[in-house]
Protein backbone atom coordinates (compact mmCIF):
# COMPACT_ATOMS: atom_id res chain seq x y z
CA UNK A 1 24.38 -123.35 2.23
CA UNK A 2 26.80 -126.17 1.34
CA UNK A 3 26.52 -129.04 -1.16
CA UNK A 4 28.72 -131.76 -2.68
CA UNK A 5 28.41 -133.61 -5.98
CA UNK A 6 29.51 -137.25 -6.15
CA UNK A 7 30.80 -139.15 -9.15
CA UNK A 8 27.45 -140.81 -9.48
CA UNK A 9 26.08 -137.51 -10.59
CA UNK A 10 23.59 -137.06 -7.72
CA UNK A 11 23.60 -134.41 -5.02
CA UNK A 12 24.13 -136.34 -1.82
CA UNK A 13 23.79 -133.51 0.63
CA UNK A 14 22.35 -130.08 0.39
CA UNK A 15 21.45 -128.96 3.87
CA UNK A 16 19.56 -125.74 4.11
CA UNK A 17 18.32 -124.63 7.47
CA UNK A 18 15.85 -121.97 8.47
CA UNK A 19 14.97 -122.50 12.08
CA UNK A 20 14.33 -126.23 12.37
CA UNK A 21 13.43 -126.82 8.72
CA UNK A 22 16.00 -128.90 6.70
CA UNK A 23 15.89 -130.16 3.13
CA UNK A 24 18.06 -132.31 0.84
CA UNK A 25 18.19 -133.24 -2.84
CA UNK A 26 18.08 -129.75 -4.32
CA UNK A 27 17.80 -129.75 -8.08
CA UNK A 28 16.27 -133.25 -8.24
CA UNK A 29 12.54 -132.40 -8.15
CA UNK A 30 12.61 -130.67 -4.80
CA UNK A 31 9.13 -129.25 -3.75
CA UNK A 32 10.16 -125.65 -3.22
CA UNK A 33 6.53 -124.59 -2.53
CA UNK A 34 6.33 -126.87 0.49
CA UNK A 35 9.70 -125.57 1.62
CA UNK A 36 8.59 -121.95 1.26
CA UNK A 37 5.29 -122.64 3.02
CA UNK A 38 7.19 -124.12 5.95
CA UNK A 39 9.49 -121.12 6.19
CA UNK A 40 6.54 -118.72 5.94
CA UNK A 41 4.64 -120.62 8.62
CA UNK A 42 7.63 -120.41 10.95
CA UNK A 43 7.92 -116.69 10.26
CA UNK A 44 4.17 -116.19 10.94
CA UNK A 45 4.32 -117.09 14.62
CA UNK A 46 3.69 -113.47 15.66
CA UNK A 47 0.60 -113.27 13.46
CA UNK A 48 -0.75 -116.37 15.16
CA UNK A 49 -0.08 -114.81 18.55
CA UNK A 50 -1.76 -111.56 17.55
CA UNK A 51 -4.82 -113.43 16.23
CA UNK A 52 -5.14 -115.36 19.49
CA UNK A 53 -4.74 -112.14 21.45
CA UNK A 54 -7.46 -110.43 19.41
CA UNK A 55 -9.81 -113.37 20.01
CA UNK A 56 -9.24 -113.01 23.76
CA UNK A 57 -10.33 -109.35 23.69
CA UNK A 58 -13.25 -110.20 21.40
CA UNK A 59 -14.38 -112.90 23.84
CA UNK A 60 -14.23 -110.36 26.68
CA UNK A 61 -16.46 -107.94 24.76
CA UNK A 62 -18.92 -110.77 24.07
CA UNK A 63 -18.91 -111.61 27.79
CA UNK A 64 -19.61 -107.95 28.65
CA UNK A 65 -22.55 -107.94 26.25
CA UNK A 66 -23.96 -111.11 27.78
CA UNK A 67 -23.61 -109.65 31.27
CA UNK A 68 -25.19 -106.39 30.11
CA UNK A 69 -28.20 -108.30 28.73
CA UNK A 70 -28.63 -110.15 32.01
CA UNK A 71 -28.43 -106.91 34.00
CA UNK A 72 -31.02 -105.25 31.76
CA UNK A 73 -33.29 -108.26 32.30
CA UNK A 74 -32.94 -107.78 36.06
CA UNK A 75 -33.74 -104.07 35.65
CA UNK A 76 -36.91 -104.93 33.71
CA UNK A 77 -38.02 -107.21 36.54
CA UNK A 78 -37.30 -104.52 39.13
CA UNK A 79 -39.13 -101.86 37.12
CA UNK A 80 -42.24 -104.02 37.52
CA UNK A 81 -42.08 -103.91 41.32
CA UNK A 82 -40.58 -100.52 42.20
CA UNK A 83 -43.79 -98.84 43.37
CA UNK A 84 -46.04 -99.68 46.28
CA UNK A 85 -49.01 -100.39 44.00
CA UNK A 86 -47.09 -102.88 41.84
CA UNK A 87 -45.34 -104.56 44.76
CA UNK A 88 -47.92 -104.63 47.54
CA UNK A 89 -50.87 -106.58 46.19
CA UNK A 90 -54.21 -106.07 47.96
CA UNK A 91 -57.01 -108.57 47.39
CA UNK A 92 -60.66 -107.49 47.54
CA UNK A 93 -63.61 -109.84 47.99
CA UNK A 94 -67.30 -109.15 47.46
CA UNK A 95 -70.35 -110.99 48.78
CA UNK A 96 -72.04 -110.52 45.38
CA UNK A 97 -69.76 -109.95 42.42
CA UNK A 98 -72.75 -109.67 40.07
CA UNK A 99 -73.74 -106.48 41.90
CA UNK A 100 -70.40 -105.09 43.15
CA UNK A 101 -66.71 -105.68 42.50
CA UNK A 102 -63.77 -103.70 43.79
CA UNK A 103 -60.01 -103.31 43.58
CA UNK A 104 -57.53 -101.80 46.01
CA UNK A 105 -54.16 -100.12 45.82
CA UNK A 106 -51.36 -100.24 48.36
CA UNK A 107 -52.89 -97.47 50.50
CA UNK A 108 -56.09 -99.42 51.22
CA UNK A 109 -56.35 -100.60 54.79
CA UNK A 110 -57.18 -104.20 55.62
CA UNK A 111 -60.87 -103.83 56.43
CA UNK A 112 -64.48 -104.74 55.63
CA UNK A 113 -67.06 -102.27 54.30
CA UNK A 114 -70.81 -102.50 53.77
CA UNK A 115 -72.19 -100.98 50.57
CA UNK A 116 -75.79 -100.32 49.49
CA UNK A 117 -76.37 -99.43 45.84
CA UNK A 118 -79.49 -97.31 45.45
CA UNK A 119 -79.18 -96.75 41.71
CA UNK A 120 -76.66 -97.00 38.91
CA UNK A 121 -75.36 -94.04 36.95
CA UNK A 122 -76.75 -93.68 33.41
CA UNK A 123 -76.18 -91.47 30.40
CA UNK A 124 -78.97 -89.58 28.63
CA UNK A 125 -80.42 -91.16 25.46
CA UNK A 126 -82.89 -89.50 23.07
CA UNK A 127 -84.60 -91.60 20.38
CA UNK A 128 -86.94 -90.50 17.60
CA UNK A 129 -90.47 -91.90 17.81
CA UNK A 130 -90.75 -92.00 14.02
CA UNK A 131 -88.22 -93.36 11.57
CA UNK A 132 -87.23 -93.71 7.93
CA UNK A 133 -87.32 -96.76 5.73
CA UNK A 134 -83.60 -96.93 4.92
CA UNK A 135 -80.25 -95.63 6.13
CA UNK A 136 -79.94 -93.91 2.75
CA UNK A 137 -83.22 -92.03 3.19
CA UNK A 138 -82.85 -88.24 2.98
CA UNK A 139 -83.52 -86.60 6.36
CA UNK A 140 -82.52 -83.00 5.42
CA UNK A 141 -84.56 -81.85 2.41
CA UNK A 142 -82.84 -78.41 2.57
CA UNK A 143 -79.82 -76.79 4.19
CA UNK A 144 -80.33 -76.48 7.92
CA UNK A 145 -78.81 -76.08 11.39
CA UNK A 146 -79.23 -78.17 14.54
CA UNK A 147 -79.07 -76.69 18.05
CA UNK A 148 -78.32 -78.95 21.02
CA UNK A 149 -77.14 -78.62 24.59
CA UNK A 150 -75.12 -80.96 26.77
CA UNK A 151 -74.64 -80.56 30.52
CA UNK A 152 -76.29 -77.14 30.24
CA UNK A 153 -74.00 -75.81 27.49
CA UNK A 154 -75.65 -75.05 24.14
CA UNK A 155 -74.02 -75.22 20.70
CA UNK A 156 -75.15 -75.27 17.05
CA UNK A 157 -74.21 -77.66 14.27
CA UNK A 158 -74.48 -75.53 11.15
CA UNK A 159 -74.58 -76.24 7.45
CA UNK A 160 -76.27 -79.63 7.39
CA UNK A 161 -76.52 -79.90 3.61
CA UNK A 162 -79.69 -80.53 1.67
CA UNK A 163 -79.95 -84.19 0.68
CA UNK A 164 -78.14 -85.46 3.79
CA UNK A 165 -79.15 -89.06 4.49
CA UNK A 166 -79.68 -90.67 7.89
CA UNK A 167 -76.20 -92.25 7.73
CA UNK A 168 -74.73 -88.91 6.61
CA UNK A 169 -76.35 -87.09 9.55
CA UNK A 170 -74.99 -89.65 12.05
CA UNK A 171 -71.49 -89.24 10.60
CA UNK A 172 -71.79 -85.45 10.59
CA UNK A 173 -72.68 -85.39 14.29
CA UNK A 174 -70.01 -87.90 15.28
CA UNK A 175 -67.27 -86.11 13.31
CA UNK A 176 -68.08 -82.67 14.65
CA UNK A 177 -65.48 -81.22 17.01
CA UNK A 178 -68.33 -79.48 18.86
CA UNK A 179 -69.75 -82.88 19.80
CA UNK A 180 -66.44 -84.56 20.64
CA UNK A 181 -66.55 -86.04 24.12
CA UNK A 182 -70.12 -84.82 24.60
CA UNK A 183 -72.62 -86.33 22.17
CA UNK A 184 -72.72 -89.38 19.92
CA UNK A 185 -75.32 -90.40 17.33
CA UNK A 186 -76.34 -93.82 16.07
CA UNK A 187 -79.34 -95.60 14.58
CA UNK A 188 -81.61 -98.30 15.87
CA UNK A 189 -83.74 -100.59 13.66
CA UNK A 190 -87.11 -101.80 14.99
CA UNK A 191 -87.66 -104.30 12.19
CA UNK A 192 -89.51 -101.86 9.98
CA UNK A 193 -87.90 -98.42 10.12
CA UNK A 194 -84.64 -96.85 11.30
CA UNK A 195 -84.70 -94.40 14.23
CA UNK A 196 -82.11 -91.72 15.02
CA UNK A 197 -80.62 -92.00 18.49
CA UNK A 198 -78.60 -89.27 20.22
CA UNK A 199 -76.93 -89.90 23.56
CA UNK A 200 -74.70 -88.09 26.00
CA UNK A 201 -71.20 -89.45 26.54
CA UNK A 202 -71.11 -88.83 30.28
CA UNK A 203 -73.14 -90.38 33.05
CA UNK A 204 -74.72 -88.42 35.87
CA UNK A 205 -77.60 -86.09 36.61
CA UNK A 206 -75.90 -83.04 35.10
CA UNK A 207 -75.14 -84.58 31.72
CA UNK A 208 -78.57 -84.09 30.15
CA UNK A 209 -78.96 -83.81 26.36
CA UNK A 210 -81.51 -81.36 24.94
CA UNK A 211 -82.35 -80.89 21.24
CA UNK A 212 -84.00 -77.49 20.88
CA UNK A 213 -83.93 -76.92 17.12
CA UNK A 214 -83.70 -79.28 14.15
CA UNK A 215 -84.51 -76.82 11.35
CA UNK A 216 -85.72 -78.63 8.24
CA UNK A 217 -84.87 -82.13 9.44
CA UNK A 218 -87.65 -84.68 9.11
CA UNK A 219 -87.24 -85.17 12.89
CA UNK A 220 -88.61 -82.25 14.92
CA UNK A 221 -87.45 -81.65 18.53
CA UNK A 222 -90.79 -83.04 19.68
CA UNK A 223 -90.06 -86.28 17.83
CA UNK A 224 -87.27 -87.16 20.28
CA UNK A 225 -88.25 -89.17 23.35
CA UNK A 226 -86.02 -89.46 26.42
CA UNK A 227 -85.71 -93.27 26.34
CA UNK A 228 -83.04 -93.27 29.09
CA UNK A 229 -82.74 -90.57 31.69
CA UNK A 230 -79.28 -89.35 32.76
CA UNK A 231 -78.76 -90.06 36.42
CA UNK A 232 -75.99 -90.37 39.00
CA UNK A 233 -75.19 -93.46 41.00
CA UNK A 234 -76.39 -93.55 44.60
CA UNK A 235 -74.61 -95.49 47.33
CA UNK A 236 -74.34 -95.75 51.07
CA UNK A 237 -71.03 -96.91 52.56
CA UNK A 238 -70.76 -98.24 56.10
CA UNK A 239 -74.22 -96.84 56.85
CA UNK A 240 -73.44 -93.34 55.63
CA UNK A 241 -75.22 -91.09 54.83
CA UNK A 242 -77.93 -91.71 57.39
CA UNK A 243 -81.55 -91.57 56.24
CA UNK A 244 -83.53 -93.42 53.63
CA UNK A 245 -83.49 -90.50 51.20
CA UNK A 246 -79.82 -89.62 51.65
CA UNK A 247 -77.17 -90.99 49.31
CA UNK A 248 -73.62 -90.43 48.17
CA UNK A 249 -73.98 -89.35 44.54
CA UNK A 250 -71.37 -89.88 41.80
CA UNK A 251 -71.46 -89.35 38.03
CA UNK A 252 -70.10 -92.81 37.33
CA UNK A 253 -70.49 -96.45 38.29
CA UNK A 254 -66.77 -96.52 39.11
CA UNK A 255 -66.36 -94.92 42.52
CA UNK A 256 -62.79 -94.35 43.73
CA UNK A 257 -63.06 -91.40 46.14
CA UNK A 258 -65.19 -92.71 48.98
CA UNK A 259 -63.02 -95.28 50.76
CA UNK A 260 -59.26 -94.43 50.52
CA UNK A 261 -57.40 -96.84 48.27
CA UNK A 262 -60.52 -98.73 47.12
CA UNK A 263 -62.18 -98.47 43.70
CA UNK A 264 -65.73 -99.85 43.60
CA UNK A 265 -67.40 -100.98 40.38
CA UNK A 266 -71.18 -100.75 40.70
CA UNK A 267 -72.96 -103.32 38.58
CA UNK A 268 -76.49 -103.79 39.96
CA UNK A 269 -78.76 -101.58 42.07
CA UNK A 270 -80.74 -102.92 45.02
CA UNK A 271 -81.49 -100.38 47.72
CA UNK A 272 -82.65 -103.12 50.08
CA UNK A 273 -79.44 -105.19 49.98
CA UNK A 274 -76.30 -104.52 51.93
CA UNK A 275 -73.20 -105.89 50.20
CA UNK A 276 -69.85 -106.50 51.85
CA UNK A 277 -66.38 -105.96 50.40
CA UNK A 278 -63.30 -107.14 52.26
CA UNK A 279 -59.74 -105.92 51.77
CA UNK A 280 -56.80 -108.16 52.63
CA UNK A 281 -53.08 -108.17 51.91
CA UNK A 282 -52.06 -110.81 49.40
CA UNK A 283 -48.94 -111.94 51.23
CA UNK A 284 -48.42 -114.81 48.76
CA UNK A 285 -48.13 -112.33 45.89
CA UNK A 286 -45.74 -110.13 47.90
CA UNK A 287 -43.61 -113.15 48.78
CA UNK A 288 -43.51 -114.12 45.09
CA UNK A 289 -42.24 -110.63 44.23
CA UNK A 290 -39.47 -111.00 46.81
CA UNK A 291 -38.56 -114.46 45.53
CA UNK A 292 -38.37 -113.05 41.99
CA UNK A 293 -36.07 -110.31 43.27
CA UNK A 294 -33.73 -112.83 44.92
CA UNK A 295 -33.77 -115.18 41.91
CA UNK A 296 -33.02 -112.45 39.38
CA UNK A 297 -30.22 -110.95 41.46
CA UNK A 298 -28.68 -114.41 41.84
CA UNK A 299 -28.70 -114.90 38.06
CA UNK A 300 -26.50 -111.82 37.70
CA UNK A 301 -24.27 -112.88 40.59
CA UNK A 302 -23.86 -116.40 39.16
CA UNK A 303 -22.82 -114.97 35.79
CA UNK A 304 -20.27 -112.65 37.39
CA UNK A 305 -18.89 -115.54 39.47
CA UNK A 306 -18.46 -117.71 36.37
CA UNK A 307 -16.70 -114.90 34.49
CA UNK A 308 -14.28 -113.98 37.26
CA UNK A 309 -13.65 -117.19 39.24
CA UNK A 310 -10.24 -118.76 39.86
CA UNK A 311 -10.02 -122.53 39.34
CA UNK A 312 -7.87 -123.98 42.15
CA UNK A 313 -8.37 -127.61 41.20
CA UNK A 314 -4.59 -127.73 40.72
CA UNK A 315 -3.28 -125.64 43.66
CA UNK A 316 0.16 -125.29 42.11
CA UNK A 317 -1.23 -123.67 38.98
CA UNK A 318 -4.57 -121.92 39.60
CA UNK A 319 -6.39 -120.89 36.43
CA UNK A 320 -8.31 -117.64 36.08
CA UNK A 321 -11.51 -117.27 34.05
CA UNK A 322 -11.94 -114.92 31.11
CA UNK A 323 -12.58 -111.83 33.28
CA UNK A 324 -10.75 -112.77 36.49
CA UNK A 325 -9.40 -109.58 38.05
CA UNK A 326 -11.23 -107.34 35.58
CA UNK A 327 -11.77 -103.97 37.26
CA UNK A 328 -15.09 -103.26 35.54
CA UNK A 329 -16.64 -106.56 36.59
CA UNK A 330 -15.33 -106.10 40.13
CA UNK A 331 -16.89 -102.60 40.23
CA UNK A 332 -20.28 -103.88 39.08
CA UNK A 333 -20.21 -106.79 41.52
CA UNK A 334 -19.26 -104.52 44.41
CA UNK A 335 -21.90 -101.86 43.71
CA UNK A 336 -24.74 -104.37 43.30
CA UNK A 337 -23.72 -106.10 46.53
CA UNK A 338 -23.67 -102.76 48.34
CA UNK A 339 -27.29 -102.10 47.30
CA UNK A 340 -28.34 -105.41 48.84
CA UNK A 341 -26.29 -105.02 52.03
CA UNK A 342 -26.75 -101.33 52.86
CA UNK A 343 -29.61 -99.61 54.66
CA UNK A 344 -32.33 -98.47 52.28
CA UNK A 345 -32.08 -94.86 51.08
CA UNK A 346 -34.05 -92.44 53.24
CA UNK A 347 -34.81 -95.08 55.88
CA UNK A 348 -33.78 -94.88 59.53
CA UNK A 349 -32.86 -97.61 61.96
CA UNK A 350 -35.69 -98.39 64.35
CA UNK A 351 -35.09 -97.19 67.91
CA UNK A 352 -37.10 -99.07 70.50
CA UNK A 353 -35.17 -98.46 73.73
CA UNK A 354 -34.14 -94.81 73.61
CA UNK A 355 -35.65 -91.50 74.60
CA UNK A 356 -37.01 -91.36 71.06
CA UNK A 357 -38.57 -94.82 71.31
CA UNK A 358 -40.71 -95.90 68.40
CA UNK A 359 -39.07 -93.73 65.76
CA UNK A 360 -37.40 -95.01 62.62
CA UNK A 361 -38.43 -97.80 60.27
CA UNK A 362 -39.32 -101.27 61.48
CA UNK A 363 -37.48 -102.72 58.48
CA UNK A 364 -34.60 -100.78 56.96
CA UNK A 365 -32.39 -103.52 55.47
CA UNK A 366 -32.98 -106.74 53.54
CA UNK A 367 -31.25 -108.84 56.20
CA UNK A 368 -34.20 -108.12 58.51
CA UNK A 369 -36.42 -109.96 56.01
CA UNK A 370 -34.18 -113.02 55.92
CA UNK A 371 -32.27 -112.04 52.75
CA UNK A 372 -28.53 -112.53 53.17
CA UNK A 373 -25.46 -113.51 51.15
CA UNK A 374 -24.27 -117.10 51.59
CA UNK A 375 -20.74 -116.70 52.98
CA UNK A 376 -19.99 -120.44 53.15
CA UNK A 377 -17.34 -121.00 50.47
CA UNK A 378 -18.03 -124.72 50.45
CA UNK A 379 -21.73 -124.19 49.76
CA UNK A 380 -23.09 -124.63 46.21
CA UNK A 381 -24.81 -121.24 46.66
CA UNK A 382 -21.69 -119.48 47.96
CA UNK A 383 -21.80 -115.77 47.15
CA UNK A 384 -25.47 -115.84 46.22
CA UNK A 385 -28.50 -114.49 48.08
CA UNK A 386 -30.36 -116.93 50.28
CA UNK A 387 -33.87 -116.33 51.58
CA UNK A 388 -34.97 -117.50 55.01
CA UNK A 389 -38.66 -118.17 54.42
CA UNK A 390 -39.48 -118.34 58.13
CA UNK A 391 -38.02 -114.88 58.78
CA UNK A 392 -39.81 -113.41 55.74
CA UNK A 393 -43.14 -114.98 56.70
CA UNK A 394 -42.85 -113.57 60.22
CA UNK A 395 -42.09 -110.10 58.84
CA UNK A 396 -45.08 -110.23 56.50
CA UNK A 397 -47.32 -111.40 59.30
CA UNK A 398 -46.21 -108.60 61.61
CA UNK A 399 -46.18 -105.65 59.21
CA UNK A 400 -46.66 -106.21 55.47
CA UNK A 401 -46.76 -102.45 54.80
CA UNK A 402 -43.26 -102.02 56.24
CA UNK A 403 -41.99 -104.93 54.12
CA UNK A 404 -43.46 -103.37 50.98
CA UNK A 405 -41.97 -99.97 51.78
CA UNK A 406 -38.51 -101.46 52.11
CA UNK A 407 -38.79 -102.92 48.63
CA UNK A 408 -40.98 -100.49 46.74
CA UNK A 409 -41.12 -97.03 48.36
CA UNK A 410 -40.77 -94.47 45.56
CA UNK A 411 -40.22 -90.80 46.47
CA UNK A 412 -42.09 -91.47 49.70
CA UNK A 413 -41.64 -88.40 51.89
CA UNK A 414 -42.12 -88.50 55.64
CA UNK A 415 -41.43 -86.03 58.44
CA UNK A 416 -40.41 -87.07 61.95
CA UNK A 417 -41.45 -83.69 63.35
CA UNK A 418 -44.99 -82.52 64.16
CA UNK A 419 -43.85 -78.99 63.33
CA UNK A 420 -43.51 -79.47 59.58
CA UNK A 421 -44.53 -81.92 56.88
CA UNK A 422 -43.19 -83.22 53.58
CA UNK A 423 -44.93 -81.48 50.70
CA UNK A 424 -43.18 -82.71 47.57
CA UNK A 425 -40.01 -83.55 45.65
CA UNK A 426 -38.86 -83.57 42.03
CA UNK A 427 -38.53 -87.10 40.67
CA UNK A 428 -35.07 -87.72 39.22
CA UNK A 429 -33.71 -84.51 40.79
CA UNK A 430 -34.25 -84.75 44.53
CA UNK A 431 -32.06 -87.55 45.85
CA UNK A 432 -33.57 -90.07 48.27
CA UNK A 433 -32.07 -89.69 51.73
CA UNK A 434 -32.36 -88.28 55.24
CA UNK A 435 -32.52 -84.48 55.53
CA UNK A 436 -32.03 -82.36 58.65
CA UNK A 437 -34.38 -79.38 58.50
CA UNK A 438 -33.99 -76.22 60.57
CA UNK A 439 -36.50 -73.35 60.35
CA UNK A 440 -36.27 -70.06 62.24
CA UNK A 441 -39.36 -67.85 62.50
CA UNK A 442 -39.69 -64.19 63.38
CA UNK A 443 -42.50 -61.68 63.55
CA UNK A 444 -42.85 -61.79 59.78
CA UNK A 445 -42.94 -65.56 59.40
CA UNK A 446 -40.01 -67.74 58.32
CA UNK A 447 -36.85 -65.65 58.52
CA UNK A 448 -34.32 -68.33 57.54
CA UNK A 449 -34.20 -72.06 56.86
CA UNK A 450 -31.65 -74.73 56.01
CA UNK A 451 -31.80 -78.30 54.73
CA UNK A 452 -28.73 -80.37 55.60
CA UNK A 453 -27.01 -77.11 56.51
CA UNK A 454 -27.61 -75.51 53.09
CA UNK A 455 -29.79 -72.37 52.79
CA UNK A 456 -33.28 -73.14 51.51
CA UNK A 457 -35.59 -70.93 49.46
CA UNK A 458 -38.53 -69.49 51.42
CA UNK A 459 -42.05 -69.05 50.04
CA UNK A 460 -44.57 -68.15 52.71
CA UNK A 461 -44.73 -71.11 55.08
CA UNK A 462 -42.89 -73.39 52.65
CA UNK A 463 -39.19 -73.96 52.07
CA UNK A 464 -37.50 -75.62 49.07
CA UNK A 465 -34.09 -77.27 48.78
CA UNK A 466 -31.62 -75.32 46.66
CA UNK A 467 -30.24 -76.46 43.32
CA UNK A 468 -26.82 -78.07 43.33
CA UNK A 469 -27.48 -80.20 46.40
CA UNK A 470 -29.11 -83.59 47.00
CA UNK A 471 -32.16 -81.83 48.49
CA UNK A 472 -32.81 -79.77 45.33
CA UNK A 473 -36.57 -79.62 44.81
CA UNK A 474 -37.47 -80.98 48.28
CA UNK A 475 -40.46 -78.97 49.55
CA UNK A 476 -41.26 -78.79 53.28
CA UNK A 477 -44.26 -77.02 54.76
CA UNK A 478 -44.10 -75.45 58.21
CA UNK A 479 -47.23 -76.40 60.15
CA UNK A 480 -46.27 -74.76 63.45
CA UNK A 481 -46.67 -71.03 62.94
CA UNK A 482 -45.27 -70.04 66.31
CA UNK A 483 -43.18 -66.93 65.85
CA UNK A 484 -39.65 -66.27 67.08
CA UNK A 485 -38.90 -69.97 67.27
CA UNK A 486 -36.27 -72.39 66.00
CA UNK A 487 -37.83 -75.63 64.81
CA UNK A 488 -35.75 -78.65 63.79
CA UNK A 489 -36.43 -82.18 62.67
CA UNK A 490 -35.81 -84.82 60.04
CA UNK A 491 -37.50 -85.28 56.67
CA UNK A 492 -36.92 -88.61 54.94
CA UNK A 493 -37.33 -89.18 51.21
CA UNK A 494 -37.48 -92.95 50.85
CA UNK A 495 -36.61 -95.25 48.00
CA UNK A 496 -37.05 -99.01 48.24
CA UNK A 497 -34.45 -101.58 47.28
CA UNK A 498 -36.12 -102.46 43.97
CA UNK A 499 -35.96 -98.86 42.76
CA UNK A 500 -32.47 -98.31 44.16
CA UNK A 501 -31.09 -101.35 42.36
CA UNK A 502 -32.95 -100.45 39.16
CA UNK A 503 -31.33 -96.99 39.23
CA UNK A 504 -27.92 -98.56 39.88
CA UNK A 505 -28.38 -100.95 36.94
CA UNK A 506 -29.44 -98.04 34.73
CA UNK A 507 -26.15 -96.29 35.54
CA UNK A 508 -24.04 -99.43 35.14
CA UNK A 509 -25.58 -100.30 31.75
CA UNK A 510 -25.58 -96.73 30.43
CA UNK A 511 -24.58 -96.55 26.77
CA UNK A 512 -22.73 -93.28 27.39
CA UNK A 513 -20.76 -93.58 30.63
CA UNK A 514 -21.56 -97.03 32.05
CA UNK A 515 -18.47 -99.14 32.94
CA UNK A 516 -19.45 -101.95 30.58
CA UNK A 517 -19.87 -99.51 27.70
CA UNK A 518 -16.53 -97.84 28.43
CA UNK A 519 -14.75 -101.19 28.65
CA UNK A 520 -16.32 -102.38 25.41
CA UNK A 521 -15.15 -99.21 23.68
CA UNK A 522 -11.64 -99.58 25.11
CA UNK A 523 -11.43 -103.22 24.13
CA UNK A 524 -12.77 -102.34 20.70
CA UNK A 525 -9.89 -99.89 20.31
CA UNK A 526 -7.46 -102.61 21.38
CA UNK A 527 -8.80 -105.06 18.79
CA UNK A 528 -8.55 -102.36 16.10
CA UNK A 529 -4.93 -101.81 17.07
CA UNK A 530 -4.31 -105.56 16.88
CA UNK A 531 -5.97 -105.63 13.45
CA UNK A 532 -3.49 -102.95 12.35
CA UNK A 533 -0.59 -105.05 13.63
CA UNK A 534 -1.97 -108.17 11.95
CA UNK A 535 -2.33 -106.28 8.67
CA UNK A 536 1.27 -105.10 8.97
CA UNK A 537 2.47 -108.61 9.73
CA UNK A 538 0.44 -109.98 6.84
CA UNK A 539 2.12 -107.51 4.47
CA UNK A 540 5.54 -108.36 5.89
CA UNK A 541 4.94 -112.11 5.53
CA UNK A 542 3.69 -111.64 1.98
CA UNK A 543 6.88 -109.73 1.13
CA UNK A 544 8.95 -112.38 2.87
CA UNK A 545 7.24 -115.12 0.86
CA UNK A 546 7.80 -113.23 -2.39
CA UNK A 547 11.49 -112.86 -1.49
CA UNK A 548 11.78 -116.60 -0.81
CA UNK A 549 10.03 -117.44 -4.06
CA UNK A 550 12.43 -115.22 -5.98
CA UNK A 551 15.47 -116.58 -4.14
CA UNK A 552 14.57 -120.24 -4.58
CA UNK A 553 13.59 -119.64 -8.18
CA UNK A 554 17.11 -118.37 -8.88
CA UNK A 555 18.55 -121.28 -6.88
CA UNK A 556 16.49 -123.74 -8.90
CA UNK A 557 17.77 -122.19 -12.12
CA UNK A 558 21.36 -122.44 -10.86
CA UNK A 559 20.94 -126.07 -9.81
CA UNK A 560 19.40 -126.86 -13.21
CA UNK A 561 22.45 -125.39 -14.89
CA UNK A 562 24.81 -127.38 -12.63
CA UNK A 563 22.90 -130.56 -13.36
CA UNK A 564 23.29 -129.96 -17.06
CA UNK A 565 27.01 -129.36 -16.59
CA UNK A 566 27.30 -132.54 -14.50
CA UNK A 567 25.58 -134.51 -17.21
CA UNK A 568 27.93 -133.12 -19.83
CA UNK A 569 31.00 -133.80 -17.69
CA UNK A 570 29.87 -137.32 -16.95
CA UNK A 571 29.40 -137.96 -20.65
CA UNK A 572 32.81 -136.50 -21.49
CA UNK A 573 34.58 -138.59 -18.83
CA UNK A 574 32.85 -141.67 -20.17
CA UNK A 575 34.11 -140.89 -23.67
CA UNK A 576 37.65 -140.29 -22.42
CA UNK A 577 37.60 -143.60 -20.55
CA UNK A 578 36.84 -145.40 -23.77
């Protein structure tokens, strides 16, 4: 630092430089605080850089969280359509909904059925002929027991206390574990007195209620009248059973085991009327499910595109987005695209012109339904799924079951061989896929068996895939019991695209080993490290500022002293001049 003092007594130059900061006029009211702040600001460039760097990593974590939320939303949508019953909607009509309604699951065949309802199912109801004047009237003058039977099984309610009122007796019966699920009690008021009513919980001929002993109750067994007789429902379906006196009997008005896939709700009996129910495939509902699938997948794809795109508006200096080139985002994008593009798990390509003509699945990939990725880079939907409605409509018209399987098959096992059949699999353990089965029989039955070349466990005429392999838990039953034979074939365990993508999303969004979670943890560690560096820089800058304050304080003191000396010298020179 250099300075000069003129005869006028003012400091004309005092140039101090720190970087690009200069100041003059030291000792004459100079604002040292502003000077120090400027020097500190110049020294804090690294802190500014670190803060900006931290914000960049923080923004990336926020972007991961947004993407994770969108992926979970897609998974929720897929979870609502990953079974045949939720995806393949069957509509059922009735010629008289006041008498008969019905619903159908995915296994119901498109068909029409005639139904005659001979009688409705009822539960047994016993009501006392006499009554009491109030709900608080005592109906047990002394301690007593009550013996009843339901569906042929007898039991005793003991220790009904003396002084029990009608309301108390009803509560005692209803709270008894012996009566749970079997018998309920209530009261009915005829305008003058209250009657006790006991009824069986189940409908059907067998669910009769009998009160054989009431002890000291004011209501004797003979006082109970069977005001509604337990009976089963009677129906004829498609003319069966034949004969006016022959009926299909069920202990409920909800009948689900007569026509496969159809549940009938009986509402009104009329043995002279034939009702019709019709089952059809609701292709509009299926198409809406597919459109929802495409729309939701595109929302995830659009978000990934926005996060990882490269802006080439200025070709000489292309600009990447926040997550351009990020490995985790690329991994997610690639795996989700593979699910859409690949053949469905456990499905086989259809072979129409080979020696094995007619085998395989009519639809095994989404492209066969008109779902493809737009590869036109100039298109506004580039990189997104596009749906060809004409192709989808044709597929639904030709085979809606095959369309539904491609989307919603869930642990659907099928055998291509007449020699053995799929018997079962363990959900979450047995992997969907195609399995080559080989079974060798001898005089004692199955002597050895393999699934995909791995030894299988043998249990009678059944074999089970071994643990440690994809086929673990896959159970195959040998139907051809020919001895001393080698029988081979293929067993397919199918999973539709909705379930496959839902499983993939579950893995990708896992809070333990999902890529987004791992990246968020890594980036969190990076931001913590940056925070440590910022804290260190903050301490260093604080020390630097304190040093400057001390230095300039001493300088200010020195300049004050020099100014005083200058004033004194100036005064002395003036006196000498005189």
